[in-house]
C-alpha cells in the first residue's frame, strides 16, 4: 500500500515521518462522502501506539463522511521556509492513511487524556475534569496507521 515517491531524494525515513507526526501541532483529515466529494478539515490529534486519535462533536460532515467511507488520509506539515531565490521551499510533511473507527470507554478516556497531555500539559487536573464534563458531548476516533509516507526538502 506504500506509494512510490516521485522524487526519491525527497523521501524521509519512516522514523523521521513518525517523529514529525508525534510533534505536529495539528493535521488535516481528509474524508470522502458517499457522493464522492472530498472534504479536508484541520484538527488537533495525538499519537498513541500505532494510531492517531482525535475528538469531535456529536455530529458534522466529517462524521457523515466517515460513516459512509472509513478510509481516510491525514497530513501534517512541519517547519517550512520559502527560498525565493531558488524558487523552492524547505519543508517537511507526513501523510498517513488508515481507517477511522470510533472508540469508547477506556480507549476513549486514554485518547482524551493523550490530547490533554499534548495540548494542556500544565493543566492535567483541570483537563481530567473537562473530559468528565464533556464526555457525553464528545466522540473520539482512532485512525490506525496502515501506511505512512514522509517527505522533506532540507
C-alpha atoms as a PDB file:
ATOM      1  CA  UNK A   1       0.000   0.000   0.000  1.00  0.00           C
ATOM      2  CA  UNK A   2       3.031   2.313   0.258  1.00  0.00           C
ATOM      3  CA  UNK A   3       3.053   4.601  -2.773  1.00  0.00           C
ATOM      4  CA  UNK A   4       6.218   5.330  -4.687  1.00  0.00           C
ATOM      5  CA  UNK A   5       7.633   8.799  -4.230  1.00  0.00           C
ATOM      6  CA  UNK A   6       8.054  10.759  -7.428  1.00  0.00           C
ATOM      7  CA  UNK A   7      11.392  12.127  -6.213  1.00  0.00           C
ATOM      8  CA  UNK A   8      13.203   9.540  -4.113  1.00  0.00           C
ATOM      9  CA  UNK A   9      15.707  12.036  -2.671  1.00  0.00           C
ATOM     10  CA  UNK A  10      12.808  13.899  -1.041  1.00  0.00           C
ATOM     11  CA  UNK A  11      11.638  10.856   0.883  1.00  0.00           C
ATOM     12  CA  UNK A  12      12.277  10.858   4.597  1.00  0.00           C
ATOM     13  CA  UNK A  13      12.712   7.752   6.696  1.00  0.00           C
ATOM     14  CA  UNK A  14       9.744   6.229   8.488  1.00  0.00           C
ATOM     15  CA  UNK A  15      11.426   7.236  11.761  1.00  0.00           C
ATOM     16  CA  UNK A  16      11.563  10.901  10.634  1.00  0.00           C
ATOM     17  CA  UNK A  17       7.966  10.715   9.431  1.00  0.00           C
ATOM     18  CA  UNK A  18       6.808   9.286  12.766  1.00  0.00           C
ATOM     19  CA  UNK A  19       8.797  11.944  14.638  1.00  0.00           C
ATOM     20  CA  UNK A  20       7.022  14.706  12.715  1.00  0.00           C
ATOM     21  CA  UNK A  21       3.670  13.011  13.309  1.00  0.00           C
ATOM     22  CA  UNK A  22       4.401  12.970  17.062  1.00  0.00           C
ATOM     23  CA  UNK A  23       5.414  16.637  17.285  1.00  0.00           C
ATOM     24  CA  UNK A  24       2.971  18.153  14.782  1.00  0.00           C
ATOM     25  CA  UNK A  25       0.598  20.747  16.241  1.00  0.00           C
ATOM     26  CA  UNK A  26      -2.334  19.856  14.037  1.00  0.00           C
ATOM     27  CA  UNK A  27      -3.122  17.910  10.909  1.00  0.00           C
ATOM     28  CA  UNK A  28      -5.650  17.889   8.103  1.00  0.00           C
ATOM     29  CA  UNK A  29      -8.034  14.942   7.993  1.00  0.00           C
ATOM     30  CA  UNK A  30      -9.320  14.165   4.518  1.00  0.00           C
ATOM     31  CA  UNK A  31     -12.533  12.195   4.178  1.00  0.00           C
ATOM     32  CA  UNK A  32     -14.810  11.359   1.287  1.00  0.00           C
ATOM     33  CA  UNK A  33     -18.589  11.393   1.359  1.00  0.00           C
ATOM     34  CA  UNK A  34     -20.991   8.889  -0.189  1.00  0.00           C
ATOM     35  CA  UNK A  35     -21.342  11.380  -3.058  1.00  0.00           C
ATOM     36  CA  UNK A  36     -17.593  11.177  -3.748  1.00  0.00           C
ATOM     37  CA  UNK A  37     -16.984  14.761  -2.611  1.00  0.00           C
ATOM     38  CA  UNK A  38     -13.626  15.098  -0.791  1.00  0.00           C
ATOM     39  CA  UNK A  39     -13.512  17.106   2.435  1.00  0.00           C
ATOM     40  CA  UNK A  40     -10.444  18.164   4.420  1.00  0.00           C
ATOM     41  CA  UNK A  41     -10.606  19.582   7.924  1.00  0.00           C
ATOM     42  CA  UNK A  42      -7.803  20.693  10.266  1.00  0.00           C
ATOM     43  CA  UNK A  43      -7.849  19.137  13.711  1.00  0.00           C
ATOM     44  CA  UNK A  44      -5.908  18.510  16.898  1.00  0.00           C
ATOM     45  CA  UNK A  45      -4.730  14.959  17.451  1.00  0.00           C
ATOM     46  CA  UNK A  46      -2.446  12.757  19.487  1.00  0.00           C
ATOM     47  CA  UNK A  47      -0.444   9.660  18.640  1.00  0.00           C
ATOM     48  CA  UNK A  48      -0.785   6.565  20.814  1.00  0.00           C
ATOM     49  CA  UNK A  49       0.992   3.378  19.751  1.00  0.00           C
ATOM     50  CA  UNK A  50       0.319   2.887  16.046  1.00  0.00           C
ATOM     51  CA  UNK A  51      -2.651   5.234  15.679  1.00  0.00           C
ATOM     52  CA  UNK A  52      -3.731   8.841  15.784  1.00  0.00           C
ATOM     53  CA  UNK A  53      -6.724   9.907  17.869  1.00  0.00           C
ATOM     54  CA  UNK A  54      -8.939  12.950  17.566  1.00  0.00           C
ATOM     55  CA  UNK A  55     -12.131  14.129  19.182  1.00  0.00           C
ATOM     56  CA  UNK A  56     -15.135  15.896  17.748  1.00  0.00           C
ATOM     57  CA  UNK A  57     -18.692  16.930  18.431  1.00  0.00           C
ATOM     58  CA  UNK A  58     -21.635  14.569  18.097  1.00  0.00           C
ATOM     59  CA  UNK A  59     -22.470  15.445  14.502  1.00  0.00           C
ATOM     60  CA  UNK A  60     -20.970  17.050  11.429  1.00  0.00           C
ATOM     61  CA  UNK A  61     -19.837  16.497   7.898  1.00  0.00           C
ATOM     62  CA  UNK A  62     -16.662  14.541   8.704  1.00  0.00           C
ATOM     63  CA  UNK A  63     -18.748  12.152  10.829  1.00  0.00           C
ATOM     64  CA  UNK A  64     -21.207  11.622   7.970  1.00  0.00           C
ATOM     65  CA  UNK A  65     -18.289  11.045   5.592  1.00  0.00           C
ATOM     66  CA  UNK A  66     -16.526   8.572   7.907  1.00  0.00           C
ATOM     67  CA  UNK A  67     -19.786   6.665   8.325  1.00  0.00           C
ATOM     68  CA  UNK A  68     -20.043   6.369   4.525  1.00  0.00           C
ATOM     69  CA  UNK A  69     -16.329   5.647   3.949  1.00  0.00           C
ATOM     70  CA  UNK A  70     -13.967   4.753   6.806  1.00  0.00           C
ATOM     71  CA  UNK A  71     -10.782   5.146   4.729  1.00  0.00           C
ATOM     72  CA  UNK A  72      -9.139   8.492   5.460  1.00  0.00           C
ATOM     73  CA  UNK A  73      -5.903  10.365   4.868  1.00  0.00           C
ATOM     74  CA  UNK A  74      -4.216  12.576   7.466  1.00  0.00           C
ATOM     75  CA  UNK A  75      -1.496  15.102   6.640  1.00  0.00           C
ATOM     76  CA  UNK A  76       0.837  17.051   8.935  1.00  0.00           C
ATOM     77  CA  UNK A  77       3.144  19.793   7.686  1.00  0.00           C
ATOM     78  CA  UNK A  78       6.085  20.722   9.889  1.00  0.00           C
ATOM     79  CA  UNK A  79       8.529  23.605   9.527  1.00  0.00           C
ATOM     80  CA  UNK A  80       8.528  25.415   6.196  1.00  0.00           C
ATOM     81  CA  UNK A  81      10.817  28.099   4.801  1.00  0.00           C
ATOM     82  CA  UNK A  82      10.344  29.780   1.424  1.00  0.00           C
ATOM     83  CA  UNK A  83      13.574  30.121  -0.583  1.00  0.00           C
ATOM     84  CA  UNK A  84      12.584  32.851  -3.085  1.00  0.00           C
ATOM     85  CA  UNK A  85      15.897  32.953  -4.944  1.00  0.00           C
ATOM     86  CA  UNK A  86      15.718  29.180  -5.533  1.00  0.00           C
ATOM     87  CA  UNK A  87      12.009  29.118  -6.449  1.00  0.00           C
ATOM     88  CA  UNK A  88      11.638  26.485  -3.787  1.00  0.00           C
ATOM     89  CA  UNK A  89      10.555  25.829  -0.231  1.00  0.00           C
ATOM     90  CA  UNK A  90      12.185  23.894   2.572  1.00  0.00           C
ATOM     91  CA  UNK A  91       9.535  21.729   4.176  1.00  0.00           C
ATOM     92  CA  UNK A  92       8.760  18.522   5.999  1.00  0.00           C
ATOM     93  CA  UNK A  93       5.490  16.645   5.799  1.00  0.00           C
ATOM     94  CA  UNK A  94       3.966  13.299   6.637  1.00  0.00           C
ATOM     95  CA  UNK A  95       0.843  11.632   5.294  1.00  0.00           C
ATOM     96  CA  UNK A  96      -0.767   8.611   6.873  1.00  0.00           C
ATOM     97  CA  UNK A  97      -3.648   6.560   5.616  1.00  0.00           C
ATOM     98  CA  UNK A  98      -5.882   4.194   7.503  1.00  0.00           C
ATOM     99  CA  UNK A  99      -9.426   3.525   8.591  1.00  0.00           C
ATOM    100  CA  UNK A 100     -11.260   5.726  11.075  1.00  0.00           C
ATOM    101  CA  UNK A 101     -13.197   3.965  13.840  1.00  0.00           C
ATOM    102  CA  UNK A 102     -14.971   5.397  16.845  1.00  0.00           C
ATOM    103  CA  UNK A 103     -13.559   4.345  20.218  1.00  0.00           C
ATOM    104  CA  UNK A 104     -15.345   4.078  23.552  1.00  0.00           C
ATOM    105  CA  UNK A 105     -14.846   3.602  27.289  1.00  0.00           C
ATOM    106  CA  UNK A 106     -11.207   3.098  28.339  1.00  0.00           C
ATOM    107  CA  UNK A 107      -9.761   3.764  24.894  1.00  0.00           C
ATOM    108  CA  UNK A 108     -11.801   6.969  24.630  1.00  0.00           C
ATOM    109  CA  UNK A 109     -10.536   8.065  28.053  1.00  0.00           C
ATOM    110  CA  UNK A 110      -6.910   7.233  27.128  1.00  0.00           C
ATOM    111  CA  UNK A 111      -7.190   9.262  23.906  1.00  0.00           C
ATOM    112  CA  UNK A 112      -8.722  12.291  25.641  1.00  0.00           C
ATOM    113  CA  UNK A 113      -6.005  12.139  28.306  1.00  0.00           C
ATOM    114  CA  UNK A 114      -3.451  11.958  25.471  1.00  0.00           C
ATOM    115  CA  UNK A 115      -4.900  15.149  23.973  1.00  0.00           C
ATOM    116  CA  UNK A 116      -4.758  16.897  27.372  1.00  0.00           C
ATOM    117  CA  UNK A 117      -1.131  15.751  27.829  1.00  0.00           C
ATOM    118  CA  UNK A 118      -0.187  17.092  24.386  1.00  0.00           C
ATOM    119  CA  UNK A 119      -2.014  20.424  24.334  1.00  0.00           C
ATOM    120  CA  UNK A 120      -2.526  21.321  28.017  1.00  0.00           C
ATOM    121  CA  UNK A 121       0.304  19.545  29.822  1.00  0.00           C
ATOM    122  CA  UNK A 122       0.399  22.045  32.680  1.00  0.00           C
ATOM    123  CA  UNK A 123      -3.325  21.643  33.415  1.00  0.00           C
ATOM    124  CA  UNK A 124      -3.783  17.894  33.865  1.00  0.00           C
ATOM    125  CA  UNK A 125      -6.221  18.013  36.817  1.00  0.00           C
ATOM    126  CA  UNK A 126      -8.369  20.642  35.111  1.00  0.00           C
ATOM    127  CA  UNK A 127      -8.147  18.626  31.898  1.00  0.00           C
ATOM    128  CA  UNK A 128      -9.428  15.469  33.574  1.00  0.00           C
ATOM    129  CA  UNK A 129     -12.392  17.437  34.962  1.00  0.00           C
ATOM    130  CA  UNK A 130     -13.042  18.830  31.492  1.00  0.00           C
ATOM    131  CA  UNK A 131     -13.030  15.312  30.000  1.00  0.00           C
ATOM    132  CA  UNK A 132     -15.640  14.206  32.548  1.00  0.00           C
ATOM    133  CA  UNK A 133     -17.780  17.309  31.974  1.00  0.00           C
ATOM    134  CA  UNK A 134     -17.699  16.961  28.165  1.00  0.00           C
ATOM    135  CA  UNK A 135     -17.855  13.131  27.992  1.00  0.00           C
ATOM    136  CA  UNK A 136     -21.404  12.827  26.622  1.00  0.00           C
ATOM    137  CA  UNK A 137     -20.864  15.645  24.097  1.00  0.00           C
ATOM    138  CA  UNK A 138     -17.637  14.222  22.698  1.00  0.00           C
ATOM    139  CA  UNK A 139     -16.902  11.453  20.224  1.00  0.00           C
ATOM    140  CA  UNK A 140     -13.384  10.067  19.765  1.00  0.00           C
ATOM    141  CA  UNK A 141     -11.953   8.324  16.716  1.00  0.00           C
ATOM    142  CA  UNK A 142      -8.854   6.242  16.068  1.00  0.00           C
ATOM    143  CA  UNK A 143      -7.095   6.050  12.717  1.00  0.00           C
ATOM    144  CA  UNK A 144      -4.732   3.089  12.686  1.00  0.00           C
ATOM    145  CA  UNK A 145      -1.597   3.824  10.661  1.00  0.00           C
ATOM    146  CA  UNK A 146      -1.799   1.453   7.682  1.00  0.00           C
ATOM    147  CA  UNK A 147       0.666   3.450   5.566  1.00  0.00           C
ATOM    148  CA  UNK A 148       2.946   6.358   6.406  1.00  0.00           C
ATOM    149  CA  UNK A 149       4.928   8.488   3.969  1.00  0.00           C
ATOM    150  CA  UNK A 150       7.234  11.346   4.836  1.00  0.00           C
ATOM    151  CA  UNK A 151       8.711  13.960   2.519  1.00  0.00           C
ATOM    152  CA  UNK A 152      11.224  16.680   3.170  1.00  0.00           C
ATOM    153  CA  UNK A 153      13.373  19.215   1.386  1.00  0.00           C
ATOM    154  CA  UNK A 154      16.146  20.298   3.710  1.00  0.00           C
END
